[in-house]
Protein backbone atom coordinates (compact mmCIF):
# COMPACT_ATOMS: atom_id res chain seq x y z
CA UNK A 1 195.48 -53.52 -38.77
CA UNK A 2 192.69 -51.99 -36.68
CA UNK A 3 195.20 -49.92 -34.71
CA UNK A 4 196.55 -48.45 -37.97
CA UNK A 5 193.06 -47.55 -39.17
CA UNK A 6 192.11 -45.97 -35.83
CA UNK A 7 195.37 -44.02 -35.83
CA UNK A 8 194.57 -42.70 -39.32
CA UNK A 9 191.10 -41.63 -38.12
CA UNK A 10 192.62 -39.81 -35.14
CA UNK A 11 195.30 -38.11 -37.26
CA UNK A 12 192.74 -36.89 -39.79
CA UNK A 13 190.36 -35.56 -37.16
CA UNK A 14 193.10 -33.86 -35.14
CA UNK A 15 194.56 -32.15 -38.21
CA UNK A 16 191.09 -30.84 -39.11
CA UNK A 17 190.63 -29.50 -35.58
CA UNK A 18 194.05 -27.81 -35.73
CA UNK A 19 192.99 -26.05 -38.92
CA UNK A 20 189.78 -24.79 -37.31
CA UNK A 21 191.23 -23.67 -33.98
CA UNK A 22 194.22 -21.35 -33.96
CA UNK A 23 195.20 -18.21 -32.08
CA UNK A 24 193.18 -16.06 -34.51
CA UNK A 25 190.06 -17.94 -33.46
CA UNK A 26 190.55 -16.92 -29.83
CA UNK A 27 191.88 -13.39 -30.35
CA UNK A 28 190.30 -12.21 -33.59
CA UNK A 29 191.60 -9.63 -36.02
CA UNK A 30 191.26 -6.07 -34.74
CA UNK A 31 188.56 -3.81 -36.17
CA UNK A 32 189.32 -0.10 -36.45
CA UNK A 33 186.46 2.39 -36.38
CA UNK A 34 186.36 5.76 -38.12
CA UNK A 35 187.34 7.61 -34.93
CA UNK A 36 190.45 5.45 -34.46
CA UNK A 37 189.05 3.11 -31.81
CA UNK A 38 190.40 -0.42 -32.13
CA UNK A 39 188.15 -3.28 -31.06
CA UNK A 40 189.58 -6.79 -30.63
CA UNK A 41 187.10 -9.63 -30.08
CA UNK A 42 188.21 -12.32 -27.61
CA UNK A 43 186.49 -15.70 -27.64
CA UNK A 44 186.51 -18.99 -25.79
CA UNK A 45 186.89 -22.13 -27.86
CA UNK A 46 185.64 -25.49 -26.60
CA UNK A 47 185.83 -28.69 -28.53
CA UNK A 48 185.17 -32.37 -28.09
CA UNK A 49 186.40 -35.32 -30.04
CA UNK A 50 185.67 -39.06 -30.23
CA UNK A 51 186.92 -41.84 -32.49
CA UNK A 52 186.74 -45.58 -32.50
CA UNK A 53 186.64 -48.66 -34.62
CA UNK A 54 187.68 -52.22 -34.96
CA UNK A 55 187.96 -55.18 -37.21
CA UNK A 56 184.74 -57.05 -37.87
CA UNK A 57 183.96 -60.52 -39.06
CA UNK A 58 181.20 -61.20 -41.54
CA UNK A 59 181.02 -64.82 -40.40
CA UNK A 60 178.25 -66.01 -38.12
CA UNK A 61 180.74 -68.00 -36.04
CA UNK A 62 182.17 -65.49 -33.54
CA UNK A 63 185.12 -67.78 -32.69
CA UNK A 64 186.72 -67.10 -36.07
CA UNK A 65 189.26 -64.31 -36.39
CA UNK A 66 188.32 -61.07 -38.12
CA UNK A 67 188.84 -61.24 -41.84
CA UNK A 68 190.40 -57.81 -42.18
CA UNK A 69 187.21 -55.78 -42.55
CA UNK A 70 187.41 -52.55 -40.60
CA UNK A 71 184.58 -50.38 -39.35
CA UNK A 72 185.23 -47.08 -37.64
CA UNK A 73 184.24 -43.52 -37.30
CA UNK A 74 185.13 -40.24 -35.69
CA UNK A 75 183.42 -37.02 -34.82
CA UNK A 76 184.25 -33.64 -33.43
CA UNK A 77 182.40 -30.57 -32.29
CA UNK A 78 183.67 -27.03 -31.83
CA UNK A 79 181.92 -24.24 -29.94
CA UNK A 80 183.03 -20.62 -30.22
CA UNK A 81 181.74 -18.29 -27.49
CA UNK A 82 182.47 -14.55 -27.45
CA UNK A 83 183.87 -13.62 -24.03
CA UNK A 84 184.94 -9.98 -24.23
CA UNK A 85 186.04 -7.10 -26.40
CA UNK A 86 189.33 -5.33 -25.88
CA UNK A 87 188.71 -1.68 -26.79
CA UNK A 88 191.68 0.64 -27.32
CA UNK A 89 191.02 4.32 -27.79
CA UNK A 90 193.69 7.03 -27.55
CA UNK A 91 195.32 6.54 -24.12
CA UNK A 92 192.79 4.06 -22.75
CA UNK A 93 192.39 0.32 -23.05
CA UNK A 94 189.27 -1.32 -21.66
CA UNK A 95 188.09 -4.90 -21.47
CA UNK A 96 184.34 -5.12 -22.01
CA UNK A 97 183.03 -8.55 -21.00
CA UNK A 98 180.11 -10.05 -22.87
CA UNK A 99 177.33 -11.30 -20.64
CA UNK A 100 175.42 -14.40 -21.66
CA UNK A 101 172.35 -12.41 -22.66
CA UNK A 102 174.17 -9.69 -24.63
CA UNK A 103 174.03 -9.48 -28.38
CA UNK A 104 177.56 -9.30 -29.75
CA UNK A 105 176.75 -7.07 -32.72
CA UNK A 106 175.13 -4.46 -30.49
CA UNK A 107 178.17 -4.34 -28.23
CA UNK A 108 180.50 -3.84 -31.19
CA UNK A 109 178.35 -1.00 -32.51
CA UNK A 110 177.90 0.72 -29.16
CA UNK A 111 181.41 0.33 -27.69
CA UNK A 112 182.97 3.48 -29.22
CA UNK A 113 179.89 5.57 -28.43
CA UNK A 114 179.79 4.42 -24.80
CA UNK A 115 183.49 5.12 -24.34
CA UNK A 116 183.08 8.60 -25.82
CA UNK A 117 180.20 9.38 -23.46
CA UNK A 118 182.13 8.15 -20.44
CA UNK A 119 185.14 10.25 -21.44
CA UNK A 120 182.91 13.31 -21.88
CA UNK A 121 181.42 12.82 -18.41
CA UNK A 122 184.83 12.33 -16.83
CA UNK A 123 186.33 15.37 -18.55
CA UNK A 124 183.32 17.50 -17.52
CA UNK A 125 183.72 16.34 -13.91
CA UNK A 126 187.45 17.07 -13.99
CA UNK A 127 186.86 20.59 -15.34
CA UNK A 128 184.18 21.25 -12.71
CA UNK A 129 186.46 20.00 -9.92
CA UNK A 130 189.42 22.19 -10.94
């Protein structure tokens, strides 16, 4: 009986984890900016899981068999960490890693502007070199 109850706990917890963690959690939906730049957030997902239980006896005499009472529990934790942003603009695709100290929102807001400035510098250098 205890094995059946523990199996039910495991099945329930694993199905809940499957609902939380899918491919869209790791590679998020793309965001398109006004200038046509597409930004795709990429994350790392870590999770832990534990479950256990057993039949217990309410009797004081420990030599008696369990009377069918079951006690058990399970728990899970999920951590989502942004790792990088894939930025596609015109003919260029860049992977911008997120450092541990970076603020994700700032990177999303600045990515198109930084790419534009870099392209301007490169095109100016190419024109000057020709």
